[in-house]
């Protein structure tokens, strides 16, 4: 009997210390959790796509049976990066269009279009990325050359910001646009009684509706290629800033079938069908797709002078930009969103647009404590309007590389005094308590490491200007990392499941070649992703 009793004691003791099983263990690393205390761990165990434990190396290695153990060799690990404002399908489409980014002149734009057309035969010539501020004369182009080269084929090439486009006469004819055409919320450039082909905002949309959609198989192929690119730079989550109703069901199909994996918080453009879908479906999820918000566009972009300003542009007398909808239309969207517990995420560039939308937010969600409505870009604000973010819990969603791209000419547009309150990320953080960081790709490059670099250094990739542009609004490295992990997750009501490396959360994480929390600014841009994991699954490896 005494031997039986001893055996039971031994079995009880053994069972208490018997290892659990894990699918993956990382150890001997610097694991930045981004939890509330910003804890750094040595090791992490993953099971069934979830984090089960973080802690000292010996405790994790001794506590689990695991066949997949990775020695990090002191490499840094971070939560999967989250782009808080981007255009997933917009980027995918650029993979099938002429790339005009970085064109040093309009002649180079034309040369790239001609070269593209020689190797592709589409019914429309489409492209994106030209930026007249990079050219010697900095003047907007006209379509004279395109009309000569392509008299019978429509051409539509968008500016880098997506809020202006140059189209040829054939495209204007297809859309029925003449010098007498007036489009609310848009601008048709007319000089000497002739359309130049330059279209801003809603005016370009009047042409875009005639551009034929890609077939479904090609669209999915491009989306999957884009997804691979996003995994390669360490993105595991994105905020997809605007999906039209004609594309919504396609996204639902792709995610329901598992054709796409990246976690997509999808904002719906508030057209009639999308608003009905939102009213009927509420907080919608399928696969890794999450739909719970409207994307509203209040004004255009600063570079194309479509941003709506309180006082005129410093470099264009009497021109203020414009709102793209009436205040009544904006209020109707806000009213519906508040009634169905939807978020409103509004593109606001100019100080007048920011003020108008913040006042609408005050009216419709002022008494609600946890709405998490956002201002996308929050680019130029009047000094007295920063307080709205604190008083009404509005979240600023900003793109640090916009600052380092625009700083060359921002003062020309705004003047010396007003530019001080542009791209004011630290000031916004002080008021709101958090900032969600993104790229706005394909307007900017898709790299979250460049987002981090621009946020903390306020310099471009060439290290200009030394010391940073308006460096008082640089973010700390800790805040910048939170801004591309836990804070975007929080802004989407998703922080219970992701955004930080904590037990019970999704095992979304990246392993980098350098520690961006300690390396030099220059070395941040030399860092790349070694591996990306989504729900514990390896979705990218540099090996």
Protein backbone atom coordinates (compact mmCIF):
# COMPACT_ATOMS: atom_id res chain seq x y z
CA UNK A 1 0.00 0.00 0.00
CA UNK A 2 2.83 2.35 0.88
CA UNK A 3 4.34 1.79 -2.61
CA UNK A 4 1.01 2.67 -4.25
CA UNK A 5 0.79 5.84 -2.16
CA UNK A 6 4.36 6.81 -3.13
CA UNK A 7 3.60 6.19 -6.80
CA UNK A 8 0.53 8.45 -6.64
CA UNK A 9 2.58 11.21 -5.05
CA UNK A 10 5.23 10.87 -7.80
CA UNK A 11 2.63 10.95 -10.59
CA UNK A 12 0.95 13.99 -9.05
CA UNK A 13 4.29 15.79 -8.74
CA UNK A 14 5.27 14.86 -12.31
CA UNK A 15 1.97 16.02 -13.77
CA UNK A 16 2.34 19.44 -12.13
CA UNK A 17 5.67 19.99 -13.89
CA UNK A 18 5.02 18.18 -17.15
CA UNK A 19 5.59 20.51 -20.10
CA UNK A 20 2.69 21.88 -22.10
CA UNK A 21 2.93 21.77 -25.89
CA UNK A 22 3.60 24.75 -28.13
CA UNK A 23 3.64 25.11 -31.90
CA UNK A 24 6.43 27.69 -31.89
CA UNK A 25 8.92 29.08 -29.39
CA UNK A 26 11.12 32.14 -29.89
CA UNK A 27 13.96 32.66 -27.44
CA UNK A 28 17.23 34.54 -26.89
CA UNK A 29 15.75 37.75 -28.26
CA UNK A 30 14.51 41.25 -27.55
CA UNK A 31 10.73 40.87 -27.75
CA UNK A 32 9.01 44.27 -27.57
CA UNK A 33 5.52 43.55 -26.29
CA UNK A 34 4.02 47.04 -26.65
CA UNK A 35 1.89 46.19 -23.61
CA UNK A 36 0.89 48.89 -21.13
CA UNK A 37 4.29 48.79 -19.38
CA UNK A 38 6.19 48.41 -22.69
CA UNK A 39 7.72 45.19 -21.34
CA UNK A 40 10.64 43.57 -23.17
CA UNK A 41 10.80 39.77 -22.97
CA UNK A 42 13.42 37.13 -23.76
CA UNK A 43 11.12 34.40 -25.05
CA UNK A 44 7.59 33.70 -26.31
CA UNK A 45 5.49 30.56 -26.83
CA UNK A 46 2.76 30.24 -29.46
CA UNK A 47 -0.04 27.67 -29.73
CA UNK A 48 -2.94 27.49 -32.22
CA UNK A 49 -2.18 30.95 -33.59
CA UNK A 50 -2.24 32.60 -30.15
CA UNK A 51 0.45 33.75 -27.76
CA UNK A 52 0.33 31.51 -24.69
CA UNK A 53 3.20 32.94 -22.65
CA UNK A 54 6.04 35.47 -22.65
CA UNK A 55 8.81 35.48 -20.10
CA UNK A 56 12.38 34.54 -19.23
CA UNK A 57 14.10 32.23 -21.68
CA UNK A 58 14.59 29.35 -19.25
CA UNK A 59 10.98 29.46 -18.08
CA UNK A 60 9.60 29.26 -21.62
CA UNK A 61 12.03 26.61 -22.87
CA UNK A 62 11.49 24.42 -19.82
CA UNK A 63 7.74 24.92 -19.76
CA UNK A 64 6.79 23.63 -23.23
CA UNK A 65 7.39 20.70 -25.52
CA UNK A 66 7.94 22.17 -28.96
CA UNK A 67 9.52 20.95 -32.19
CA UNK A 68 9.76 24.43 -33.76
CA UNK A 69 12.17 26.47 -31.66
CA UNK A 70 13.82 29.60 -33.07
CA UNK A 71 16.98 31.00 -31.52
CA UNK A 72 16.67 34.71 -32.25
CA UNK A 73 20.34 35.35 -31.49
CA UNK A 74 19.27 38.63 -29.90
CA UNK A 75 17.32 39.76 -32.96
CA UNK A 76 14.42 42.11 -32.13
CA UNK A 77 10.76 41.07 -32.35
CA UNK A 78 7.83 43.48 -32.54
CA UNK A 79 4.07 43.15 -32.86
CA UNK A 80 3.03 42.85 -36.50
CA UNK A 81 3.07 46.31 -38.04
CA UNK A 82 -0.28 47.96 -38.68
CA UNK A 83 -0.74 50.59 -41.40
CA UNK A 84 -3.50 52.82 -40.06
CA UNK A 85 -4.33 54.43 -43.41
CA UNK A 86 -3.71 52.91 -46.82
CA UNK A 87 -5.38 51.82 -50.04
CA UNK A 88 -4.90 48.08 -50.56
CA UNK A 89 -6.61 47.65 -53.92
CA UNK A 90 -5.36 51.06 -55.03
CA UNK A 91 -1.82 49.80 -54.54
CA UNK A 92 -2.63 46.50 -56.23
CA UNK A 93 -3.93 48.32 -59.30
CA UNK A 94 -0.69 50.29 -59.62
CA UNK A 95 1.07 46.98 -60.27
CA UNK A 96 -0.80 46.94 -63.59
CA UNK A 97 -0.31 50.63 -64.49
CA UNK A 98 2.50 52.92 -65.58
CA UNK A 99 4.58 53.98 -62.57
CA UNK A 100 5.19 57.74 -62.64
CA UNK A 101 6.63 58.13 -59.15
CA UNK A 102 9.81 60.18 -59.03
CA UNK A 103 9.48 61.52 -62.59
CA UNK A 104 11.86 64.48 -62.73
CA UNK A 105 9.98 66.28 -65.51
CA UNK A 106 6.85 66.08 -67.60
CA UNK A 107 9.00 64.83 -70.47
CA UNK A 108 9.91 61.86 -68.29
CA UNK A 109 6.21 61.30 -67.53
CA UNK A 110 5.50 61.15 -71.26
CA UNK A 111 8.47 58.87 -71.93
CA UNK A 112 7.30 56.40 -69.27
CA UNK A 113 3.76 56.41 -70.70
CA UNK A 114 5.05 55.74 -74.23
CA UNK A 115 7.30 52.91 -72.99
CA UNK A 116 4.44 51.37 -71.02
CA UNK A 117 2.09 51.50 -73.99
CA UNK A 118 4.65 49.77 -76.23
CA UNK A 119 4.60 46.77 -73.89
CA UNK A 120 0.92 46.75 -72.92
CA UNK A 121 -2.27 47.00 -74.88
CA UNK A 122 -5.12 48.06 -72.59
CA UNK A 123 -8.24 49.95 -73.62
CA UNK A 124 -7.19 52.86 -71.36
CA UNK A 125 -3.71 54.03 -70.47
CA UNK A 126 -3.64 54.50 -66.70
CA UNK A 127 -0.89 55.60 -64.39
CA UNK A 128 -0.11 57.31 -61.13
CA UNK A 129 2.64 59.13 -59.29
CA UNK A 130 3.59 62.34 -61.12
CA UNK A 131 4.37 65.30 -58.89
CA UNK A 132 4.91 68.70 -60.45
CA UNK A 133 6.68 69.98 -57.32
CA UNK A 134 9.67 67.82 -58.34
CA UNK A 135 9.97 69.54 -61.71
CA UNK A 136 12.07 72.60 -62.45
CA UNK A 137 9.13 74.88 -63.27
CA UNK A 138 6.78 73.26 -60.68
CA UNK A 139 3.82 74.04 -62.96
CA UNK A 140 0.86 71.72 -63.52
CA UNK A 141 1.04 70.02 -66.94
CA UNK A 142 -1.44 70.17 -69.79
CA UNK A 143 -2.55 67.45 -72.18
CA UNK A 144 -1.27 68.87 -75.51
CA UNK A 145 1.44 66.21 -75.92
CA UNK A 146 -0.86 63.37 -74.85
CA UNK A 147 -3.46 64.50 -77.39
CA UNK A 148 -0.89 64.29 -80.19
CA UNK A 149 0.55 60.92 -79.12
CA UNK A 150 -2.76 59.26 -78.24
CA UNK A 151 -5.57 60.85 -80.23
CA UNK A 152 -7.76 57.73 -80.22
CA UNK A 153 -6.95 56.08 -76.87
CA UNK A 154 -8.02 57.57 -73.52
CA UNK A 155 -5.24 58.42 -71.06
CA UNK A 156 -5.73 59.13 -67.35
CA UNK A 157 -2.67 59.58 -65.14
CA UNK A 158 -3.15 60.60 -61.53
CA UNK A 159 -0.97 62.85 -59.45
CA UNK A 160 0.89 61.18 -56.57
CA UNK A 161 -1.76 62.29 -54.03
CA UNK A 162 -4.62 60.82 -56.06
CA UNK A 163 -6.58 64.08 -55.84
CA UNK A 164 -5.57 65.44 -59.25
CA UNK A 165 -5.18 63.83 -62.64
CA UNK A 166 -4.16 64.68 -66.16
CA UNK A 167 -6.37 63.21 -68.88
CA UNK A 168 -6.22 63.58 -72.64
CA UNK A 169 -8.95 64.93 -74.90
CA UNK A 170 -10.21 61.45 -75.73
CA UNK A 171 -10.91 60.79 -72.04
CA UNK A 172 -12.62 64.18 -71.70
CA UNK A 173 -14.81 63.40 -74.72
CA UNK A 174 -15.81 60.00 -73.30
CA UNK A 175 -16.85 61.66 -70.03
CA UNK A 176 -18.62 64.52 -71.82
CA UNK A 177 -16.50 67.17 -70.11
CA UNK A 178 -16.29 70.54 -71.86
CA UNK A 179 -15.01 73.97 -70.77
CA UNK A 180 -18.56 74.76 -69.66
CA UNK A 181 -18.91 71.69 -67.42
CA UNK A 182 -19.30 72.38 -63.70
CA UNK A 183 -18.82 69.57 -61.19
CA UNK A 184 -19.52 70.29 -57.49
CA UNK A 185 -16.56 69.36 -55.30
CA UNK A 186 -14.23 69.31 -58.28
CA UNK A 187 -12.25 71.58 -60.56
CA UNK A 188 -11.76 71.47 -64.32
CA UNK A 189 -8.79 73.56 -65.38
CA UNK A 190 -9.70 75.80 -68.33
CA UNK A 191 -7.23 78.21 -69.95
CA UNK A 192 -8.10 80.42 -72.90
CA UNK A 193 -11.44 78.65 -73.23
CA UNK A 194 -9.87 75.18 -73.51
CA UNK A 195 -9.70 72.27 -71.08
CA UNK A 196 -6.08 71.59 -70.19
CA UNK A 197 -6.86 68.05 -69.02
CA UNK A 198 -6.12 68.84 -65.38
CA UNK A 199 -8.93 67.59 -63.15
CA UNK A 200 -9.19 67.84 -59.36
CA UNK A 201 -11.12 65.55 -57.00
CA UNK A 202 -14.76 65.01 -58.08
CA UNK A 203 -13.94 66.18 -61.59
CA UNK A 204 -11.58 63.24 -62.03
CA UNK A 205 -14.20 60.89 -60.55
CA UNK A 206 -16.46 61.93 -63.45
CA UNK A 207 -13.89 60.42 -65.81
CA UNK A 208 -12.92 57.43 -63.64
CA UNK A 209 -16.42 55.95 -63.82
CA UNK A 210 -15.79 55.23 -67.53
CA UNK A 211 -12.57 53.29 -66.95
CA UNK A 212 -13.42 49.58 -67.25
CA UNK A 213 -12.81 47.33 -64.26
CA UNK A 214 -10.24 44.56 -64.41
CA UNK A 215 -11.65 41.06 -64.63
CA UNK A 216 -12.04 39.21 -61.33
CA UNK A 217 -9.18 36.75 -61.82
CA UNK A 218 -6.67 39.50 -62.63
CA UNK A 219 -7.89 41.61 -59.72
CA UNK A 220 -7.34 38.76 -57.28
CA UNK A 221 -3.93 38.01 -58.78
CA UNK A 222 -2.88 41.64 -58.28
CA UNK A 223 -4.33 41.71 -54.75
CA UNK A 224 -2.38 38.60 -53.78
CA UNK A 225 0.81 40.07 -55.25
CA UNK A 226 0.18 43.24 -53.25
CA UNK A 227 -0.43 41.18 -50.11
CA UNK A 228 2.94 39.48 -50.54
CA UNK A 229 4.57 42.90 -50.77
CA UNK A 230 2.87 43.97 -47.54
CA UNK A 231 3.98 40.87 -45.66
CA UNK A 232 7.51 41.46 -46.92
CA UNK A 233 7.66 44.84 -45.17
CA UNK A 234 6.21 43.44 -41.93
CA UNK A 235 2.58 44.49 -42.24
CA UNK A 236 0.04 42.11 -40.73
CA UNK A 237 -2.86 44.57 -40.42
CA UNK A 238 -4.10 47.48 -42.50
CA UNK A 239 -6.80 50.12 -42.33
CA UNK A 240 -8.18 50.14 -45.86
CA UNK A 241 -9.26 53.73 -46.38
CA UNK A 242 -12.23 53.54 -48.70
CA UNK A 243 -14.07 50.73 -50.51
CA UNK A 244 -16.86 51.41 -52.97
CA UNK A 245 -20.03 49.33 -52.87
CA UNK A 246 -19.19 47.71 -56.23
CA UNK A 247 -16.02 46.29 -54.65
CA UNK A 248 -17.37 45.44 -51.19
CA UNK A 249 -18.90 42.08 -52.06
CA UNK A 250 -15.73 41.09 -53.92
CA UNK A 251 -13.70 41.73 -50.76
CA UNK A 252 -16.18 39.71 -48.73
CA UNK A 253 -15.89 36.82 -51.18
CA UNK A 254 -12.09 36.87 -51.19
CA UNK A 255 -11.85 36.90 -47.41
CA UNK A 256 -14.63 34.36 -46.91
CA UNK A 257 -12.79 31.97 -49.25
CA UNK A 258 -9.41 32.60 -47.61
CA UNK A 259 -7.99 34.07 -50.83
CA UNK A 260 -6.64 37.02 -48.82
CA UNK A 261 -5.13 36.79 -45.33
CA UNK A 262 -3.83 40.17 -44.24
CA UNK A 263 -6.06 41.65 -41.54
CA UNK A 264 -8.10 44.37 -43.23
CA UNK A 265 -10.13 46.93 -41.29
CA UNK A 266 -12.16 48.12 -44.23
CA UNK A 267 -13.78 51.58 -44.37
CA UNK A 268 -16.78 51.92 -46.67
CA UNK A 269 -17.30 54.97 -48.84
CA UNK A 270 -20.79 56.14 -47.81
CA UNK A 271 -22.61 55.65 -51.10
CA UNK A 272 -26.24 54.60 -50.93
CA UNK A 273 -25.62 50.85 -51.19
CA UNK A 274 -22.79 50.86 -48.64
CA UNK A 275 -24.94 52.81 -46.20
CA UNK A 276 -27.71 50.23 -46.58
CA UNK A 277 -25.18 47.41 -46.03
CA UNK A 278 -23.93 49.11 -42.88
CA UNK A 279 -27.46 49.60 -41.55
CA UNK A 280 -28.37 45.96 -42.24
CA UNK A 281 -25.11 44.25 -41.25
CA UNK A 282 -23.68 46.41 -38.47
CA UNK A 283 -20.29 45.27 -37.17
CA UNK A 284 -19.38 42.79 -39.94
CA UNK A 285 -16.59 40.21 -39.93
CA UNK A 286 -15.61 37.39 -42.25
CA UNK A 287 -12.19 35.77 -42.26
CA UNK A 288 -9.71 38.55 -41.53
CA UNK A 289 -11.98 41.26 -42.93
CA UNK A 290 -13.61 43.69 -40.49
CA UNK A 291 -16.15 46.33 -41.59
CA UNK A 292 -17.37 48.86 -39.04
CA UNK A 293 -16.76 52.36 -40.42
CA UNK A 294 -17.36 54.92 -43.14
CA UNK A 295 -14.54 56.68 -44.96
CA UNK A 296 -15.56 60.25 -45.71
CA UNK A 297 -13.49 62.63 -47.86
CA UNK A 298 -13.98 66.26 -46.90
CA UNK A 299 -11.44 68.03 -49.13
CA UNK A 300 -8.56 67.48 -51.54
CA UNK A 301 -4.79 67.59 -51.12
CA UNK A 302 -2.38 70.39 -50.31
CA UNK A 303 -0.02 69.63 -53.19
CA UNK A 304 -2.77 70.07 -55.77
CA UNK A 305 -4.29 73.01 -53.82
CA UNK A 306 -7.56 71.18 -53.27
CA UNK A 307 -7.25 71.21 -49.47
CA UNK A 308 -9.83 73.55 -47.96
CA UNK A 309 -8.18 76.41 -46.06
CA UNK A 310 -9.61 79.14 -43.83
CA UNK A 311 -7.36 81.81 -45.38
CA UNK A 312 -6.20 81.74 -49.02
CA UNK A 313 -3.17 79.78 -50.17
CA UNK A 314 0.02 81.75 -49.62
CA UNK A 315 1.05 81.02 -53.22
CA UNK A 316 -2.35 81.43 -54.88
CA UNK A 317 -4.28 84.62 -54.03
CA UNK A 318 -8.01 84.29 -53.36
CA UNK A 319 -7.91 80.49 -53.64
CA UNK A 320 -9.08 78.53 -50.58
CA UNK A 321 -9.56 75.02 -52.00
CA UNK A 322 -13.00 73.49 -51.47
CA UNK A 323 -15.11 70.95 -49.62
CA UNK A 324 -16.19 67.93 -51.63
CA UNK A 325 -19.68 67.69 -50.10
CA UNK A 326 -22.10 70.05 -48.43
CA UNK A 327 -22.19 70.32 -44.65
CA UNK A 328 -25.67 68.79 -44.76
CA UNK A 329 -24.34 65.71 -46.58
CA UNK A 330 -21.56 65.29 -44.03
CA UNK A 331 -24.09 65.58 -41.21
CA UNK A 332 -26.38 62.96 -42.73
CA UNK A 333 -23.51 60.46 -42.80
CA UNK A 334 -22.52 61.28 -39.21
CA UNK A 335 -26.11 60.96 -38.05
CA UNK A 336 -26.50 57.50 -39.58
CA UNK A 337 -23.14 56.33 -38.24
CA UNK A 338 -23.98 57.46 -34.71
CA UNK A 339 -27.35 55.70 -34.88
CA UNK A 340 -25.88 52.31 -35.95
CA UNK A 341 -22.70 52.49 -33.84
CA UNK A 342 -20.43 52.91 -36.85
CA UNK A 343 -17.21 54.86 -36.86
CA UNK A 344 -16.63 57.86 -39.10
CA UNK A 345 -13.10 58.33 -40.40
CA UNK A 346 -12.81 61.57 -42.33
CA UNK A 347 -10.06 62.72 -44.67
CA UNK A 348 -9.23 66.30 -43.61
CA UNK A 349 -6.21 68.15 -44.96
CA UNK A 350 -6.94 71.88 -44.74
CA UNK A 351 -7.67 73.78 -41.53
CA UNK A 352 -11.13 74.75 -42.76
CA UNK A 353 -12.01 71.13 -43.54
CA UNK A 354 -10.67 69.97 -40.17
CA UNK A 355 -12.71 72.59 -38.35
CA UNK A 356 -15.92 71.80 -40.25
CA UNK A 357 -15.68 68.07 -39.58
CA UNK A 358 -14.61 68.44 -35.95
CA UNK A 359 -17.68 70.60 -35.34
CA UNK A 360 -19.86 67.90 -36.90
CA UNK A 361 -18.21 65.30 -34.66
CA UNK A 362 -18.92 67.51 -31.67
CA UNK A 363 -22.58 67.65 -32.66
CA UNK A 364 -23.13 63.93 -33.21
CA UNK A 365 -20.79 62.15 -30.77
CA UNK A 366 -19.93 64.81 -28.22
CA UNK A 367 -21.72 63.01 -25.38
CA UNK A 368 -20.54 59.52 -26.31
CA UNK A 369 -17.42 58.53 -24.41
CA UNK A 370 -16.00 55.74 -26.58
CA UNK A 371 -16.78 56.24 -30.26
CA UNK A 372 -13.20 56.24 -31.60
CA UNK A 373 -14.10 58.40 -34.59
CA UNK A 374 -11.02 59.56 -36.46
CA UNK A 375 -9.65 62.42 -38.47
CA UNK A 376 -7.58 60.98 -41.28
CA UNK A 377 -4.46 63.07 -42.01
CA UNK A 378 -5.28 65.97 -39.62
CA UNK A 379 -2.70 67.77 -41.69
CA UNK A 380 -3.28 71.50 -41.15
CA UNK A 381 -5.15 72.78 -38.09
CA UNK A 382 -5.94 76.18 -36.68
CA UNK A 383 -4.22 76.47 -33.26
CA UNK A 384 -7.51 76.64 -31.35
CA UNK A 385 -8.88 73.47 -32.99
CA UNK A 386 -6.40 71.02 -31.46
CA UNK A 387 -8.57 71.01 -28.32
CA UNK A 388 -11.36 69.12 -30.13
CA UNK A 389 -9.24 65.96 -30.07
CA UNK A 390 -8.98 66.09 -26.29
CA UNK A 391 -12.51 67.27 -25.52
CA UNK A 392 -14.34 64.76 -27.72
CA UNK A 393 -11.97 61.78 -27.83
CA UNK A 394 -11.26 62.13 -31.54
CA UNK A 395 -8.33 60.03 -32.77
CA UNK A 396 -5.83 61.57 -35.23
CA UNK A 397 -4.69 59.14 -37.95
CA UNK A 398 -1.57 60.62 -39.54
CA UNK A 399 1.10 59.69 -42.08
CA UNK A 400 4.64 60.79 -41.11
CA UNK A 401 6.07 60.36 -44.62
CA UNK A 402 3.57 62.95 -45.86
CA UNK A 403 5.42 65.43 -43.69
CA UNK A 404 8.83 64.55 -45.10
CA UNK A 405 7.49 64.52 -48.67
CA UNK A 406 5.60 67.81 -48.38
CA UNK A 407 8.13 69.81 -46.34
CA UNK A 408 9.89 71.00 -49.53
CA UNK A 409 6.92 73.15 -50.47
CA UNK A 410 4.52 73.20 -47.49
CA UNK A 411 5.60 76.67 -46.40
CA UNK A 412 5.02 77.97 -49.95
CA UNK A 413 1.42 76.76 -49.76
CA UNK A 414 0.73 77.81 -46.17
CA UNK A 415 3.09 80.63 -45.24
CA UNK A 416 5.50 80.83 -42.29
CA UNK A 417 2.91 81.09 -39.51
CA UNK A 418 0.31 78.57 -40.64
CA UNK A 419 2.88 75.87 -41.46
CA UNK A 420 3.81 75.72 -37.76
CA UNK A 421 0.50 73.97 -37.13
CA UNK A 422 0.84 71.47 -39.96
CA UNK A 423 2.03 67.86 -39.52
CA UNK A 424 1.95 68.54 -35.76
CA UNK A 425 2.08 64.92 -34.57
CA UNK A 426 3.42 65.48 -31.05
CA UNK A 427 0.91 68.25 -30.45
CA UNK A 428 -1.88 65.95 -31.62
CA UNK A 429 -0.56 63.17 -29.38
CA UNK A 430 -0.49 65.52 -26.39
CA UNK A 431 -4.17 66.31 -26.94
CA UNK A 432 -5.56 62.95 -28.07
CA UNK A 433 -3.38 60.61 -26.00
CA UNK A 434 -2.60 58.47 -29.05
CA UNK A 435 -1.92 58.74 -32.76
CA UNK A 436 -2.49 56.05 -35.37
CA UNK A 437 0.31 55.99 -37.97
CA UNK A 438 0.10 54.94 -41.60
CA UNK A 439 1.58 55.54 -45.04
CA UNK A 440 -1.41 56.28 -47.30
CA UNK A 441 0.17 53.96 -49.87
CA UNK A 442 0.27 54.03 -52.85
CA UNK A 443 0.67 57.78 -52.35
CA UNK A 444 3.75 56.97 -50.29
CA UNK A 445 5.87 53.82 -50.23
CA UNK A 446 4.41 50.88 -48.31
CA UNK A 447 7.26 50.64 -45.80
CA UNK A 448 6.29 50.90 -42.09
CA UNK A 449 9.99 51.28 -41.28
CA UNK A 450 9.99 54.52 -43.29
CA UNK A 451 6.90 55.58 -41.33
CA UNK A 452 8.83 54.96 -38.10
CA UNK A 453 11.92 56.78 -39.39
CA UNK A 454 9.97 59.83 -40.55
CA UNK A 455 8.00 60.00 -37.28
CA UNK A 456 11.08 60.02 -35.05
CA UNK A 457 13.56 61.93 -37.25
CA UNK A 458 11.34 64.31 -39.30
CA UNK A 459 13.89 63.84 -42.12
CA UNK A 460 13.57 62.38 -45.60
CA UNK A 461 15.49 59.32 -46.78
CA UNK A 462 18.45 61.52 -47.72
CA UNK A 463 18.72 62.83 -44.15
CA UNK A 464 17.34 66.28 -44.97
CA UNK A 465 16.96 68.61 -43.17
CA UNK A 466 19.62 68.01 -40.57
CA UNK A 467 17.92 67.95 -37.17
CA UNK A 468 14.48 67.40 -38.71
CA UNK A 469 11.63 69.55 -40.04
CA UNK A 470 9.78 71.26 -37.17
CA UNK A 471 11.41 68.70 -34.91
CA UNK A 472 9.36 69.75 -31.89
CA UNK A 473 6.67 67.53 -33.39
CA UNK A 474 8.85 64.43 -33.72
CA UNK A 475 7.57 61.39 -31.83
CA UNK A 476 9.58 59.31 -29.39
CA UNK A 477 10.51 55.84 -30.60
CA UNK A 478 8.21 54.22 -28.08
CA UNK A 479 5.26 56.34 -29.19
CA UNK A 480 6.06 55.75 -32.86
CA UNK A 481 6.08 51.97 -32.30
CA UNK A 482 2.80 52.16 -30.42
CA UNK A 483 1.45 54.27 -33.28
CA UNK A 484 2.01 51.44 -35.74
CA UNK A 485 0.92 48.55 -33.49
CA UNK A 486 -1.37 48.89 -30.45
CA UNK A 487 -2.82 52.34 -31.14
CA UNK A 488 -4.25 51.50 -34.60
CA UNK A 489 -5.67 48.30 -33.12
CA UNK A 490 -7.28 50.33 -30.34
CA UNK A 491 -8.64 52.84 -32.85
CA UNK A 492 -10.52 49.97 -34.54
CA UNK A 493 -11.85 48.35 -31.33
CA UNK A 494 -9.46 45.46 -32.04
CA UNK A 495 -6.94 45.90 -29.23
CA UNK A 496 -8.30 42.93 -27.24
CA UNK A 497 -7.01 40.58 -29.94
CA UNK A 498 -3.97 42.22 -31.49
CA UNK A 499 -1.61 45.18 -31.51
CA UNK A 500 0.62 43.96 -28.69
CA UNK A 501 2.37 40.73 -27.79
CA UNK A 502 0.45 39.47 -24.75
CA UNK A 503 -0.86 36.08 -23.67
CA UNK A 504 -4.17 35.31 -25.37
CA UNK A 505 -3.64 37.67 -28.31
CA UNK A 506 -3.08 36.76 -31.94
CA UNK A 507 0.49 35.73 -32.70
CA UNK A 508 1.14 38.48 -35.26
CA UNK A 509 4.77 39.56 -35.12
CA UNK A 510 7.85 40.52 -37.13
CA UNK A 511 11.53 39.78 -36.70
CA UNK A 512 13.88 42.53 -37.91
CA UNK A 513 17.58 42.62 -38.72
CA UNK A 514 18.23 45.61 -36.42
CA UNK A 515 16.66 47.02 -33.29
CA UNK A 516 14.92 50.18 -34.46
CA UNK A 517 14.44 51.23 -30.84
CA UNK A 518 18.18 51.73 -30.32
CA UNK A 519 19.96 51.99 -33.69
CA UNK A 520 20.86 55.27 -35.39
CA UNK A 521 18.36 57.07 -37.60
CA UNK A 522 20.43 56.12 -40.64
CA UNK A 523 20.41 52.46 -39.69
CA UNK A 524 16.60 52.40 -39.41
CA UNK A 525 16.50 52.74 -43.19
CA UNK A 526 19.04 49.91 -43.55
CA UNK A 527 16.85 47.57 -41.51
CA UNK A 528 14.70 44.96 -43.19
CA UNK A 529 12.27 42.23 -42.19
CA UNK A 530 13.65 38.73 -41.67
CA UNK A 531 10.29 37.05 -41.01
CA UNK A 532 6.62 37.97 -40.72
CA UNK A 533 4.10 35.82 -38.84
CA UNK A 534 0.32 36.08 -39.00
CA UNK A 535 -1.63 34.09 -36.40
CA UNK A 536 1.52 32.09 -35.77
CA UNK A 537 1.90 31.22 -39.47
CA UNK A 538 5.06 32.22 -41.35
CA UNK A 539 3.83 34.40 -44.22
CA UNK A 540 7.18 35.92 -45.26
CA UNK A 541 10.81 34.91 -44.88
CA UNK A 542 13.84 36.69 -46.32
CA UNK A 543 15.67 33.35 -46.51
